[in-house]
Amino acid sequence: MSTSGSGGSPVERIGYRLSTVVERWMPSPFLFAILLTYVVYVAGLAATDSGPVELLEFWYDGFWAFLGFSMQMVLILMTGFVIAYHPRVNSLLKRLAEIPNSGAQAAAFVGVVSMTLAWVHWGFSLILGAIFAREMGKVAHEKGIDVHYPLLAVAGYMGLGLTWHWGLSGSAPLQLTDPKNIGEGTGFDFLASTVPASETIFHPYAIMLTVLSIAFAALVLYALAPSGGRAKGITEYVSEEELFDATPDGGSAETEPVDDDATDDATADAQSASNAATVPAERLDNSRLLGGLIALTGVAVVAYQFVQQGLGAFTLDTVNFGFLMAGLLIYLRPAYYRERFGEGATAAAGIILLFPFFAGIQGIMASSGLATMLAEALLSVSTAETYPVVAWLAGSVANLFVPSGGGEWLVLGPSVLQAAESLGVPAGQATIAYAVGDAHTNLLNPFWALPLLAITGVKAREMFGYAIAMMLALVPFLAVVLYALPY
């Protein structure tokens, strides 16, 4: 069978040809950030009154402006990582991977799982989606099913590429629930009060948007799936020795979780026991009682926050704290939990390297006024009816340059909400529409895919042709649904 772009459905052929072009030309994520720095610097010189030295100062200052927020982002990723790698969670993924009977079904299924989980926790979705894509590739190889592994990787990334910013860990909606971000001394001092999660994350507008988007994206993934000779399985990208003798994160086979739940606990016990010496300090370090007690205390604190504040308790800090304690609760032993966190740090390494560079880009865009000029130019042409579509476009364009949902919102959020207020558009609707754009163009920027690339073993240029195909396919759908869906 031919492996060229001929044959198959039109959608399949377009996706295959686009992936071929992107695989040839796309730079690495780090080089992407460097090139983008030059682009934004030149744009600042051309479009603003800032001089060349002043722009360099903005760039340098931007490197350190969001260190606190960077730590929040790393923590939300790592807490998701350790939960996704728990033996029982990993075992469930292996069972689920047995369900699809074709490559198209496999891609759609991984995408639905990833997008659904992203509504709960973007870090959890990113890591678990990557692990699920890898497990699906392994099972398909064993069963002789034709799957295209780069498309599976894209499916595992779809949570970050579509639904995360409308869910429980969405940066912009959560920031508006925090009184520290509203009032004098903040960019949102024009708001009379915080915007509760009931007006954003849990509003029927956002819920319906999520359901419709997941359904449409799953259909596109199904249609894009290459068949026959065009489908390249997991062994084209990861050696069989590595697949079946090592864990997804590069650990030895001796520590890889197995399918049987009883064996899972036995494996965890054996791992902890082998690490525990006879000295009291090390026995304490592996104590289920001490780990479980602090974890239950943390869970109780989170529950108390919701009893006191209701949906207003959904803040970035609460989400991070809740998942940190939930992870400790399922692992129990402090030493075991610490070891898993160490592996999560490896997955976050790319973000730690690239985030300062993108923060520097954001420093240029924010301090020079380039970001505000961009947002205001788009928002100035909107009406009350078209505003959600324009806010989506503003978020999409901004995210191409600064792939940090929370960081972008700190800079552009005031302009977005002030324009919404002047047009009579509810702040909750404006925030969600903007968040759609911020998530959507993650399918073009490889920044957040770094942990997934490390786990799946594919290169950015090998998967982003299909990611870009997904992004383009979503454009008409999102434009129509944001225009037509009532708030």
Protein backbone atom coordinates (compact mmCIF):
# COMPACT_ATOMS: atom_id res chain seq x y z
CA MET A 1 0.00 0.00 0.00
CA SER A 2 1.22 3.49 -0.83
CA THR A 3 2.47 5.59 2.04
CA SER A 4 2.03 8.87 0.15
CA GLY A 5 -0.74 11.35 0.75
CA SER A 6 -2.95 9.60 -1.88
CA GLY A 7 -5.86 7.43 -0.82
CA GLY A 8 -8.05 7.74 2.24
CA SER A 9 -10.61 10.45 2.99
CA PRO A 10 -9.96 14.12 2.11
CA VAL A 11 -9.55 14.98 5.79
CA GLU A 12 -7.06 12.15 6.27
CA ARG A 13 -5.04 13.24 3.21
CA ILE A 14 -4.94 16.89 4.31
CA GLY A 15 -3.76 15.92 7.79
CA TYR A 16 -1.08 13.62 6.41
CA ARG A 17 0.30 16.22 3.99
CA LEU A 18 0.30 18.95 6.63
CA SER A 19 2.14 16.68 9.06
CA THR A 20 4.79 16.01 6.41
CA VAL A 21 5.43 19.74 5.91
CA VAL A 22 5.54 20.53 9.63
CA GLU A 23 7.85 17.60 10.38
CA ARG A 24 10.33 19.02 7.91
CA TRP A 25 10.26 22.66 8.98
CA MET A 26 9.17 23.02 12.63
CA PRO A 27 11.98 24.07 15.03
CA SER A 28 12.50 22.57 18.49
CA PRO A 29 10.44 24.14 21.32
CA PHE A 30 13.48 25.94 22.75
CA LEU A 31 14.46 27.38 19.37
CA PHE A 32 10.80 28.29 18.84
CA ALA A 33 10.97 30.43 22.01
CA ILE A 34 14.22 32.07 20.89
CA LEU A 35 12.87 32.91 17.43
CA LEU A 36 9.66 34.24 18.95
CA THR A 37 11.73 36.53 21.19
CA TYR A 38 13.27 38.16 18.10
CA VAL A 39 9.85 38.51 16.44
CA VAL A 40 8.32 40.26 19.44
CA TYR A 41 11.38 42.48 19.92
CA VAL A 42 11.22 43.69 16.30
CA ALA A 43 7.44 44.19 16.58
CA GLY A 44 8.01 46.28 19.71
CA LEU A 45 10.49 48.47 17.84
CA ALA A 46 8.13 48.91 14.91
CA ALA A 47 4.80 49.39 16.66
CA THR A 48 5.62 51.16 19.96
CA ASP A 49 7.60 54.17 21.15
CA SER A 50 10.02 51.99 23.13
CA GLY A 51 13.69 52.12 22.16
CA PRO A 52 15.98 49.12 21.60
CA VAL A 53 17.67 49.34 25.02
CA GLU A 54 14.35 49.91 26.78
CA LEU A 55 12.89 46.80 25.16
CA LEU A 56 15.90 44.80 26.36
CA GLU A 57 15.19 46.04 29.89
CA PHE A 58 11.56 44.97 29.54
CA TRP A 59 12.78 41.55 28.39
CA TYR A 60 15.15 41.16 31.33
CA ASP A 61 12.59 42.35 33.90
CA GLY A 62 10.02 39.98 32.43
CA PHE A 63 12.23 36.98 33.14
CA TRP A 64 11.57 37.35 36.86
CA ALA A 65 8.14 38.96 36.96
CA PHE A 66 6.13 35.75 37.34
CA LEU A 67 8.35 33.45 39.37
CA GLY A 68 5.55 32.88 41.90
CA PHE A 69 3.08 32.05 39.17
CA SER A 70 5.69 29.84 37.51
CA MET A 71 5.94 27.82 40.71
CA GLN A 72 2.16 27.46 40.77
CA MET A 73 2.22 26.15 37.21
CA VAL A 74 5.03 23.68 37.94
CA LEU A 75 3.23 22.48 41.06
CA ILE A 76 -0.07 21.95 39.26
CA LEU A 77 1.79 19.92 36.63
CA MET A 78 3.71 17.81 39.15
CA THR A 79 0.69 17.07 41.34
CA GLY A 80 -1.09 15.84 38.23
CA PHE A 81 1.96 13.78 37.29
CA VAL A 82 2.19 11.85 40.56
CA ILE A 83 -1.52 11.02 40.61
CA ALA A 84 -1.49 9.89 36.97
CA TYR A 85 1.48 7.60 37.70
CA HIS A 86 -0.12 5.89 40.66
CA PRO A 87 -0.19 2.10 39.99
CA ARG A 88 -3.99 1.83 40.08
CA VAL A 89 -4.45 4.80 37.74
CA ASN A 90 -1.85 3.40 35.33
CA SER A 91 -3.46 -0.04 35.51
CA LEU A 92 -6.83 1.46 34.61
CA LEU A 93 -5.31 3.12 31.55
CA LYS A 94 -3.99 -0.20 30.32
CA ARG A 95 -7.45 -1.74 30.63
CA LEU A 96 -9.06 1.18 28.82
CA ALA A 97 -6.51 0.87 26.00
CA GLU A 98 -7.98 -2.56 25.20
CA ILE A 99 -11.34 -1.04 24.18
CA PRO A 100 -10.70 0.48 20.68
CA ASN A 101 -10.60 -1.83 17.67
CA SER A 102 -9.14 0.59 15.10
CA GLY A 103 -6.63 3.41 14.89
CA ALA A 104 -9.40 5.99 14.39
CA GLN A 105 -11.26 4.74 17.46
CA ALA A 106 -8.03 4.82 19.47
CA ALA A 107 -7.28 8.46 18.56
CA ALA A 108 -10.82 9.61 19.34
CA PHE A 109 -10.89 7.70 22.63
CA VAL A 110 -7.57 9.09 23.86
CA GLY A 111 -8.77 12.58 22.91
CA VAL A 112 -12.05 12.27 24.82
CA VAL A 113 -10.23 11.03 27.93
CA SER A 114 -7.64 13.81 27.72
CA MET A 115 -10.19 16.59 27.14
CA THR A 116 -12.49 15.37 29.89
CA LEU A 117 -9.67 15.12 32.42
CA ALA A 118 -8.39 18.57 31.45
CA TRP A 119 -11.64 20.05 32.69
CA VAL A 120 -10.76 18.61 36.09
CA HIS A 121 -7.01 19.36 36.18
CA TRP A 122 -4.81 20.42 33.28
CA GLY A 123 -1.62 18.94 34.74
CA PHE A 124 -3.37 15.63 35.40
CA SER A 125 -4.68 15.59 31.83
CA LEU A 126 -1.33 16.46 30.25
CA ILE A 127 0.55 13.68 32.04
CA LEU A 128 -2.20 11.08 32.06
CA GLY A 129 -3.04 11.87 28.42
CA ALA A 130 0.59 11.28 27.48
CA ILE A 131 0.74 8.01 29.42
CA PHE A 132 -2.58 6.88 27.92
CA ALA A 133 -1.35 7.67 24.39
CA ARG A 134 1.76 5.60 25.06
CA GLU A 135 -0.21 2.70 26.54
CA MET A 136 -2.65 2.83 23.63
CA GLY A 137 0.30 2.65 21.21
CA LYS A 138 1.71 -0.36 23.06
CA VAL A 139 -1.59 -2.24 23.13
CA ALA A 140 -2.23 -1.49 19.45
CA HIS A 141 1.24 -2.83 18.60
CA GLU A 142 0.56 -6.02 20.53
CA LYS A 143 -2.89 -6.47 18.93
CA GLY A 144 -1.76 -5.59 15.39
CA ILE A 145 -4.01 -2.53 15.08
CA ASP A 146 -2.90 0.18 12.64
CA VAL A 147 -2.55 3.36 14.70
CA HIS A 148 -0.62 6.51 13.87
CA TYR A 149 1.36 7.19 17.03
CA PRO A 150 1.92 10.96 16.47
CA LEU A 151 -1.86 11.41 16.22
CA LEU A 152 -2.27 9.51 19.49
CA ALA A 153 0.19 11.99 21.02
CA VAL A 154 -1.92 14.89 19.70
CA ALA A 155 -5.03 13.24 21.13
CA GLY A 156 -3.30 13.03 24.51
CA TYR A 157 -2.51 16.75 24.21
CA MET A 158 -6.05 17.83 23.30
CA GLY A 159 -6.95 18.65 26.89
CA LEU A 160 -4.33 21.41 26.86
CA GLY A 161 -5.34 22.32 23.32
CA LEU A 162 -9.03 22.83 24.00
CA THR A 163 -10.79 22.33 27.34
CA TRP A 164 -8.37 23.04 30.21
CA HIS A 165 -8.95 26.78 30.53
CA TRP A 166 -12.68 26.38 31.03
CA GLY A 167 -12.32 23.88 33.89
CA LEU A 168 -11.43 23.58 37.56
CA SER A 169 -7.77 24.56 37.04
CA GLY A 170 -8.39 27.33 34.46
CA SER A 171 -6.12 30.27 35.29
CA ALA A 172 -8.30 33.20 34.18
CA PRO A 173 -11.56 32.03 35.83
CA LEU A 174 -9.73 31.11 39.05
CA GLN A 175 -7.83 34.39 39.23
CA LEU A 176 -11.13 36.28 39.18
CA THR A 177 -12.37 34.33 42.20
CA ASP A 178 -9.45 35.55 44.34
CA PRO A 179 -10.06 38.87 46.18
CA LYS A 180 -6.28 39.53 46.07
CA ASN A 181 -6.57 39.99 42.30
CA ILE A 182 -9.50 42.44 42.44
CA GLY A 183 -9.52 46.03 43.66
CA GLU A 184 -7.07 48.86 44.11
CA GLY A 185 -3.52 48.16 42.98
CA THR A 186 -4.57 45.48 40.48
CA GLY A 187 -5.44 45.70 36.82
CA PHE A 188 -8.99 44.66 37.71
CA ASP A 189 -9.72 47.57 40.06
CA PHE A 190 -12.76 48.54 37.94
CA LEU A 191 -14.59 45.35 38.97
CA ALA A 192 -17.04 45.84 41.83
CA SER A 193 -16.43 42.31 43.17
CA THR A 194 -14.90 38.97 42.34
CA VAL A 195 -16.43 36.81 39.61
CA PRO A 196 -17.49 33.50 41.19
CA ALA A 197 -16.89 30.16 39.47
CA SER A 198 -20.68 29.78 39.11
CA GLU A 199 -20.50 32.54 36.47
CA THR A 200 -17.57 31.00 34.61
CA ILE A 201 -16.52 27.37 35.11
CA PHE A 202 -19.91 26.06 36.31
CA HIS A 203 -22.14 28.27 34.19
CA PRO A 204 -24.32 26.36 31.67
CA TYR A 205 -22.61 28.38 28.89
CA ALA A 206 -19.21 26.91 29.75
CA ILE A 207 -20.58 23.41 30.39
CA MET A 208 -22.37 23.26 27.04
CA LEU A 209 -19.34 24.68 25.26
CA THR A 210 -17.18 21.94 26.79
CA VAL A 211 -19.53 19.11 25.80
CA LEU A 212 -19.94 20.34 22.23
CA SER A 213 -16.21 20.92 21.79
CA ILE A 214 -15.24 17.47 23.06
CA ALA A 215 -17.73 15.82 20.71
CA PHE A 216 -16.56 17.81 17.67
CA ALA A 217 -12.85 17.34 18.39
CA ALA A 218 -13.36 13.58 18.80
CA LEU A 219 -14.98 13.42 15.36
CA VAL A 220 -12.07 15.32 13.80
CA LEU A 221 -9.52 13.02 15.45
CA TYR A 222 -11.42 10.04 14.08
CA ALA A 223 -11.46 11.53 10.58
CA LEU A 224 -7.77 12.49 10.64
CA ALA A 225 -6.50 9.03 11.60
CA PRO A 226 -4.20 7.64 8.84
CA SER A 227 -4.84 4.09 7.73
CA GLY A 228 -2.81 1.31 6.20
CA GLY A 229 0.76 2.15 5.25
CA ARG A 230 0.43 5.78 6.36
CA ALA A 231 -0.17 4.70 9.96
CA LYS A 232 3.16 4.59 11.81
CA GLY A 233 2.95 2.65 15.06
CA ILE A 234 4.74 3.28 18.31
CA THR A 235 7.78 1.18 17.39
CA GLU A 236 8.60 3.72 14.66
CA TYR A 237 9.36 6.20 17.45
CA VAL A 238 10.20 4.14 20.55
CA SER A 239 12.27 0.95 20.54
CA GLU A 240 10.56 -2.28 21.58
CA GLU A 241 13.26 -2.81 24.21
CA GLU A 242 12.44 0.52 25.82
CA LEU A 243 8.70 -0.07 25.53
CA PHE A 244 8.53 -3.42 27.24
CA ASP A 245 11.54 -3.23 29.56
CA ALA A 246 11.08 0.27 30.96
CA THR A 247 8.45 2.55 32.43
CA PRO A 248 7.05 5.51 30.44
CA ASP A 249 9.19 7.97 32.38
CA GLY A 250 12.39 6.08 31.83
CA GLY A 251 12.48 4.09 35.09
CA SER A 252 13.47 0.44 35.27
CA ALA A 253 11.09 -2.42 34.67
CA GLU A 254 11.42 -3.38 38.31
CA THR A 255 9.35 -0.35 39.37
CA GLU A 256 6.80 -0.35 36.54
CA PRO A 257 3.23 -0.73 37.86
CA VAL A 258 1.48 -3.91 36.74
CA ASP A 259 -2.14 -4.59 35.94
CA ASP A 260 -3.36 -6.49 38.98
CA ASP A 261 -4.54 -4.18 41.79
CA ALA A 262 -3.37 -6.51 44.53
CA THR A 263 0.05 -6.72 42.93
CA ASP A 264 0.06 -2.91 42.71
CA ASP A 265 -0.06 -2.63 46.49
CA ALA A 266 2.49 -5.40 46.89
CA THR A 267 4.83 -3.62 44.49
CA ALA A 268 4.45 -0.36 46.39
CA ASP A 269 5.05 -2.16 49.69
CA ALA A 270 8.16 -3.86 48.34
CA GLN A 271 9.53 -0.59 46.98
CA SER A 272 9.05 1.17 50.30
CA ALA A 273 10.36 -1.74 52.31
CA SER A 274 13.51 -1.97 50.21
CA ASN A 275 14.16 1.71 50.85
CA ALA A 276 13.50 1.57 54.57
CA ALA A 277 16.37 0.71 56.89
CA THR A 278 16.03 -0.23 60.53
CA VAL A 279 16.76 3.26 61.88
CA PRO A 280 13.71 5.04 63.35
CA ALA A 281 14.01 8.08 61.05
CA GLU A 282 13.65 5.97 57.93
CA ARG A 283 10.79 3.96 59.39
CA LEU A 284 9.04 7.25 60.08
CA ASP A 285 9.73 8.40 56.53
CA ASN A 286 7.75 5.39 55.30
CA SER A 287 4.96 5.66 57.84
CA ARG A 288 1.45 5.35 56.40
CA LEU A 289 0.11 6.90 59.60
CA LEU A 290 2.10 10.13 59.36
CA GLY A 291 1.52 10.54 55.64
CA GLY A 292 -2.16 9.69 55.86
CA LEU A 293 -2.78 11.98 58.83
CA ILE A 294 -1.36 15.09 57.17
CA ALA A 295 -3.12 14.21 53.89
CA LEU A 296 -6.49 13.81 55.63
CA THR A 297 -5.91 17.08 57.44
CA GLY A 298 -5.24 18.79 54.11
CA VAL A 299 -8.36 17.27 52.52
CA ALA A 300 -10.38 18.44 55.52
CA VAL A 301 -9.02 21.98 55.09
CA VAL A 302 -10.08 21.99 51.43
CA ALA A 303 -13.53 20.68 52.36
CA TYR A 304 -13.83 23.41 54.99
CA GLN A 305 -12.97 26.06 52.37
CA PHE A 306 -15.85 24.87 50.20
CA VAL A 307 -18.26 24.74 53.13
CA GLN A 308 -17.37 28.34 54.00
CA GLN A 309 -17.10 29.81 50.48
CA GLY A 310 -19.00 27.49 48.16
CA LEU A 311 -17.82 27.65 44.55
CA GLY A 312 -15.83 30.75 45.42
CA ALA A 313 -13.25 28.41 46.98
CA PHE A 314 -12.10 27.35 43.51
CA THR A 315 -8.84 29.30 43.37
CA LEU A 316 -5.51 28.28 41.91
CA ASP A 317 -4.06 27.88 45.40
CA THR A 318 -6.96 25.68 46.52
CA VAL A 319 -6.68 23.46 43.46
CA ASN A 320 -2.94 23.06 43.94
CA PHE A 321 -3.31 22.37 47.66
CA GLY A 322 -6.13 19.90 47.06
CA PHE A 323 -4.25 17.85 44.47
CA LEU A 324 -1.06 17.95 46.54
CA MET A 325 -2.90 16.42 49.49
CA ALA A 326 -4.90 14.02 47.32
CA GLY A 327 -1.64 12.66 45.91
CA LEU A 328 -0.23 12.12 49.38
CA LEU A 329 -3.48 10.44 50.41
CA ILE A 330 -3.30 7.81 47.66
CA TYR A 331 0.44 7.16 48.16
CA LEU A 332 0.40 7.52 51.99
CA ARG A 333 4.13 6.93 52.55
CA PRO A 334 6.04 10.27 52.55
CA ALA A 335 9.18 8.66 51.08
CA TYR A 336 7.28 7.01 48.22
CA TYR A 337 5.42 10.24 47.44
CA ARG A 338 8.70 12.17 47.44
CA GLU A 339 10.21 9.72 44.95
CA ARG A 340 7.30 10.10 42.56
CA PHE A 341 7.54 13.86 42.88
CA GLY A 342 11.19 13.59 41.87
CA GLU A 343 10.13 11.92 38.64
CA GLY A 344 7.55 14.67 38.13
CA ALA A 345 10.35 17.24 38.38
CA THR A 346 11.97 15.63 35.33
CA ALA A 347 8.74 16.08 33.36
CA ALA A 348 8.65 19.75 34.39
CA ALA A 349 12.27 20.45 33.36
CA GLY A 350 11.35 21.78 29.92
CA ILE A 351 8.82 24.19 31.40
CA ILE A 352 11.34 25.43 33.96
CA LEU A 353 13.79 26.20 31.13
CA LEU A 354 11.34 27.76 28.68
CA PHE A 355 9.02 29.65 31.05
CA PRO A 356 11.54 32.47 31.78
CA PHE A 357 12.02 33.00 28.05
CA PHE A 358 8.30 33.24 27.43
CA ALA A 359 8.04 35.47 30.52
CA GLY A 360 10.67 37.68 28.90
CA ILE A 361 8.56 37.82 25.73
CA GLN A 362 5.58 38.72 27.88
CA GLY A 363 7.67 41.41 29.57
CA ILE A 364 8.26 43.07 26.19
CA MET A 365 4.62 42.78 25.17
CA ALA A 366 3.24 44.04 28.48
CA SER A 367 5.67 46.87 29.31
CA SER A 368 5.89 48.24 25.77
CA GLY A 369 2.11 48.25 25.44
CA LEU A 370 2.23 45.84 22.50
CA ALA A 371 -0.13 43.34 24.14
CA THR A 372 -2.70 45.98 25.07
CA MET A 373 -2.52 47.51 21.59
CA LEU A 374 -3.18 44.09 20.10
CA ALA A 375 -6.14 43.35 22.36
CA GLU A 376 -7.70 46.78 22.04
CA ALA A 377 -7.36 46.73 18.23
CA LEU A 378 -9.31 43.48 18.09
CA LEU A 379 -11.87 44.39 20.74
CA SER A 380 -12.56 47.81 19.21
CA VAL A 381 -14.22 46.24 16.17
CA SER A 382 -16.61 44.05 18.19
CA THR A 383 -20.28 44.42 19.00
CA ALA A 384 -22.21 42.80 21.85
CA GLU A 385 -23.15 39.95 19.49
CA THR A 386 -19.68 39.36 18.06
CA TYR A 387 -17.77 40.06 21.25
CA PRO A 388 -17.27 36.39 22.32
CA VAL A 389 -15.76 35.60 18.90
CA VAL A 390 -13.45 38.63 19.07
CA ALA A 391 -12.40 37.82 22.66
CA TRP A 392 -11.59 34.28 21.46
CA LEU A 393 -9.43 35.71 18.67
CA ALA A 394 -7.68 38.05 21.12
CA GLY A 395 -6.84 35.11 23.38
CA SER A 396 -5.71 33.02 20.41
CA VAL A 397 -3.32 35.63 19.06
CA ALA A 398 -1.89 36.50 22.50
CA ASN A 399 -1.27 32.83 23.27
CA LEU A 400 0.86 32.46 20.16
CA PHE A 401 3.40 34.78 21.78
CA VAL A 402 2.93 34.06 25.48
CA PRO A 403 1.66 30.51 26.20
CA SER A 404 0.78 31.20 29.83
CA GLY A 405 -2.95 31.45 30.44
CA GLY A 406 -2.59 33.16 33.80
CA GLY A 407 0.26 35.41 32.73
CA GLU A 408 -1.64 36.57 29.63
CA TRP A 409 -4.76 37.22 31.65
CA LEU A 410 -2.90 39.48 34.07
CA VAL A 411 -1.87 41.63 31.12
CA LEU A 412 -4.86 41.43 28.76
CA GLY A 413 -7.68 40.58 31.17
CA PRO A 414 -8.40 44.20 32.17
CA SER A 415 -8.79 45.26 28.53
CA VAL A 416 -10.97 42.24 27.79
CA LEU A 417 -13.32 42.82 30.74
CA GLN A 418 -13.48 46.60 30.33
CA ALA A 419 -14.53 46.18 26.70
CA ALA A 420 -17.09 43.57 27.77
CA GLU A 421 -18.48 45.91 30.43
CA SER A 422 -18.87 48.74 27.92
CA LEU A 423 -20.81 46.43 25.56
CA GLY A 424 -22.97 44.90 28.28
CA VAL A 425 -21.40 41.45 27.93
CA PRO A 426 -21.26 39.49 31.23
CA ALA A 427 -17.77 39.20 32.70
CA GLY A 428 -18.16 35.43 32.98
CA GLN A 429 -18.96 35.01 29.29
CA ALA A 430 -16.07 37.29 28.29
CA THR A 431 -13.64 35.35 30.46
CA ILE A 432 -14.67 31.96 29.07
CA ALA A 433 -14.57 33.18 25.45
CA TYR A 434 -11.07 34.54 25.98
CA ALA A 435 -10.04 31.29 27.69
CA VAL A 436 -11.20 29.31 24.64
CA GLY A 437 -8.72 31.23 22.48
CA ASP A 438 -5.91 30.85 24.97
CA ALA A 439 -6.33 27.06 25.01
CA HIS A 440 -7.01 26.68 21.29
CA THR A 441 -3.65 27.95 20.02
CA ASN A 442 -1.70 25.67 22.35
CA LEU A 443 -2.10 23.39 19.33
CA LEU A 444 0.40 25.58 17.48
CA ASN A 445 2.89 26.41 20.24
CA PRO A 446 4.87 23.39 21.55
CA PHE A 447 5.59 24.93 24.97
CA TRP A 448 3.09 22.94 27.05
CA ALA A 449 3.69 19.75 25.08
CA LEU A 450 7.20 19.34 26.54
CA PRO A 451 6.25 16.82 29.26
CA LEU A 452 4.12 14.89 26.78
CA LEU A 453 7.00 14.75 24.30
CA ALA A 454 9.26 13.35 27.01
CA ILE A 455 6.77 10.63 27.96
CA THR A 456 5.61 9.59 24.50
CA GLY A 457 9.06 9.73 22.88
CA VAL A 458 7.91 11.70 19.81
CA LYS A 459 9.47 14.96 18.63
CA ALA A 460 7.47 18.18 18.41
CA ARG A 461 7.83 18.31 14.64
CA GLU A 462 6.53 14.72 14.36
CA MET A 463 3.20 15.45 16.07
CA PHE A 464 2.48 19.14 15.50
CA GLY A 465 1.40 18.73 11.90
CA TYR A 466 -1.67 16.96 13.22
CA ALA A 467 -1.96 19.41 16.11
CA ILE A 468 -2.10 22.28 13.60
CA ALA A 469 -4.65 20.35 11.53
CA MET A 470 -6.79 20.06 14.66
CA MET A 471 -6.39 23.77 15.39
CA LEU A 472 -7.51 24.74 11.88
CA ALA A 473 -10.46 22.33 11.94
CA LEU A 474 -11.65 23.88 15.21
CA VAL A 475 -11.65 27.46 13.85
CA PRO A 476 -15.04 27.43 12.05
CA PHE A 477 -16.63 25.32 14.78
CA LEU A 478 -15.54 27.63 17.61
CA ALA A 479 -16.47 30.76 15.64
CA VAL A 480 -20.02 29.48 15.11
CA VAL A 481 -20.61 28.10 18.59
CA LEU A 482 -19.23 31.18 20.38
CA TYR A 483 -21.44 33.42 18.24
CA ALA A 484 -24.59 31.33 18.57
CA LEU A 485 -24.43 29.86 22.07
CA PRO A 486 -26.49 31.96 24.52
CA TYR A 487 -25.13 32.90 27.94
